C-alpha atoms as a PDB file:
ATOM      1  CA  MET A   1     -14.224  41.897  64.292  1.00  0.00           C
ATOM      2  CA  GLU A   2     -14.527  41.238  60.521  1.00  0.00           C
ATOM      3  CA  THR A   3     -11.493  41.792  58.503  1.00  0.00           C
ATOM      4  CA  ASP A   4     -10.953  43.749  55.716  1.00  0.00           C
ATOM      5  CA  PRO A   5     -10.643  41.181  52.408  1.00  0.00           C
ATOM      6  CA  ILE A   6      -7.799  43.244  50.373  1.00  0.00           C
ATOM      7  CA  LEU A   7      -6.331  43.138  53.875  1.00  0.00           C
ATOM      8  CA  GLU A   8      -6.695  39.524  53.998  1.00  0.00           C
ATOM      9  CA  ARG A   9      -5.867  39.124  50.350  1.00  0.00           C
ATOM     10  CA  ALA A  10      -3.317  40.759  50.354  1.00  0.00           C
ATOM     11  CA  ARG A  11      -1.895  38.699  53.917  1.00  0.00           C
ATOM     12  CA  GLU A  12      -2.248  35.906  52.055  1.00  0.00           C
ATOM     13  CA  ARG A  13      -0.165  36.805  48.582  1.00  0.00           C
ATOM     14  CA  ARG A  14       3.081  38.036  50.636  1.00  0.00           C
ATOM     15  CA  ALA A  15       3.111  34.476  53.004  1.00  0.00           C
ATOM     16  CA  ARG A  16       3.650  32.363  49.690  1.00  0.00           C
ATOM     17  CA  MET A  17       6.136  35.459  47.884  1.00  0.00           C
ATOM     18  CA  GLU A  18       9.594  33.802  46.252  1.00  0.00           C
ATOM     19  CA  THR A  19      10.806  36.741  45.911  1.00  0.00           C
ATOM     20  CA  HIS A  20      15.532  37.385  45.618  1.00  0.00           C
ATOM     21  CA  LYS A  21      17.335  40.413  45.158  1.00  0.00           C
ATOM     22  CA  ALA A  22      19.764  39.467  41.296  1.00  0.00           C
ATOM     23  CA  SER A  23      22.443  42.826  40.506  1.00  0.00           C
ATOM     24  CA  SER A  24      21.893  41.673  36.888  1.00  0.00           C
ATOM     25  CA  PHE A  25      19.063  41.455  34.187  1.00  0.00           C
ATOM     26  CA  ALA A  26      20.825  38.174  33.220  1.00  0.00           C
ATOM     27  CA  GLU A  27      20.804  36.654  37.086  1.00  0.00           C
ATOM     28  CA  ALA A  28      17.263  37.782  37.204  1.00  0.00           C
ATOM     29  CA  ASP A  29      16.083  35.825  34.004  1.00  0.00           C
ATOM     30  CA  ALA A  30      17.402  32.201  35.109  1.00  0.00           C
ATOM     31  CA  TRP A  31      15.895  32.859  38.564  1.00  0.00           C
ATOM     32  CA  ASP A  32      12.673  33.442  36.692  1.00  0.00           C
ATOM     33  CA  LEU A  33      13.405  30.874  34.451  1.00  0.00           C
ATOM     34  CA  SER A  34      14.369  27.923  37.389  1.00  0.00           C
ATOM     35  CA  TYR A  35      11.222  29.260  39.630  1.00  0.00           C
ATOM     36  CA  TRP A  36       9.226  29.185  35.928  1.00  0.00           C
ATOM     37  CA  GLN A  37      10.057  25.620  35.501  1.00  0.00           C
ATOM     38  CA  LYS A  38       9.673  24.257  38.686  1.00  0.00           C
ATOM     39  CA  ARG A  39       5.690  24.845  38.767  1.00  0.00           C
ATOM     40  CA  THR A  40       3.482  22.707  36.813  1.00  0.00           C
ATOM     41  CA  PRO A  41       1.452  23.194  33.963  1.00  0.00           C
ATOM     42  CA  GLU A  42      -1.383  23.623  36.852  1.00  0.00           C
ATOM     43  CA  GLN A  43       0.873  26.602  37.894  1.00  0.00           C
ATOM     44  CA  ARG A  44       1.747  27.868  36.012  1.00  0.00           C
ATOM     45  CA  LEU A  45      -1.687  28.214  34.210  1.00  0.00           C
ATOM     46  CA  GLU A  46      -3.105  29.570  37.471  1.00  0.00           C
ATOM     47  CA  ALA A  47      -0.586  32.923  37.478  1.00  0.00           C
ATOM     48  CA  TYR A  48      -1.335  34.298  34.410  1.00  0.00           C
ATOM     49  CA  MET A  49      -4.613  33.581  34.776  1.00  0.00           C
ATOM     50  CA  ALA A  50      -5.019  35.541  38.188  1.00  0.00           C
ATOM     51  CA  LEU A  51      -2.867  38.445  36.205  1.00  0.00           C
ATOM     52  CA  ARG A  52      -4.813  38.517  33.248  1.00  0.00           C
ATOM     53  CA  GLU A  53      -8.149  38.965  35.846  1.00  0.00           C
ATOM     54  CA  ASP A  54      -5.575  41.614  37.524  1.00  0.00           C
ATOM     55  CA  VAL A  55      -5.179  43.816  33.866  1.00  0.00           C
ATOM     56  CA  GLU A  56      -8.646  43.381  32.958  1.00  0.00           C
ATOM     57  CA  LYS A  57      -9.132  44.993  36.750  1.00  0.00           C
ATOM     58  CA  VAL A  58      -6.982  47.584  35.902  1.00  0.00           C
ATOM     59  CA  VAL A  59      -8.555  48.503  32.438  1.00  0.00           C
ATOM     60  CA  ALA A  60     -11.666  48.387  33.376  1.00  0.00           C
ATOM     61  CA  ALA A  61     -10.929  51.453  36.011  1.00  0.00           C
ATOM     62  CA  ARG A  62      -9.478  53.912  33.809  1.00  0.00           C
ATOM     63  CA  THR A  63     -12.143  53.157  30.788  1.00  0.00           C
ATOM     64  CA  ALA A  64     -13.888  54.041  33.700  1.00  0.00           C
ATOM     65  CA  LEU A  65     -12.733  57.474  34.716  1.00  0.00           C
ATOM     66  CA  ARG A  66     -12.193  58.018  31.581  1.00  0.00           C
ATOM     67  CA  ASP A  67     -15.345  57.803  30.857  1.00  0.00           C
ATOM     68  CA  ARG A  68     -16.401  59.316  33.857  1.00  0.00           C
ATOM     69  CA  PRO A  69     -18.693  62.891  32.759  1.00  0.00           C
END
């Protein structure tokens, strides 16, 4: 049986995901800062590039829908 690449990617991302439930914006901000300070420059760049690629995909999809006849 062949695995769906999208489902597999989602499983891999969930396995790597770190989460935190904050009780305030200040607490969330502090946790976020601590999280990213623990990452290497390479990890931060990789995360930025992944986010940028996702945004580009969303923009392309919206553009395709808008330009559809």
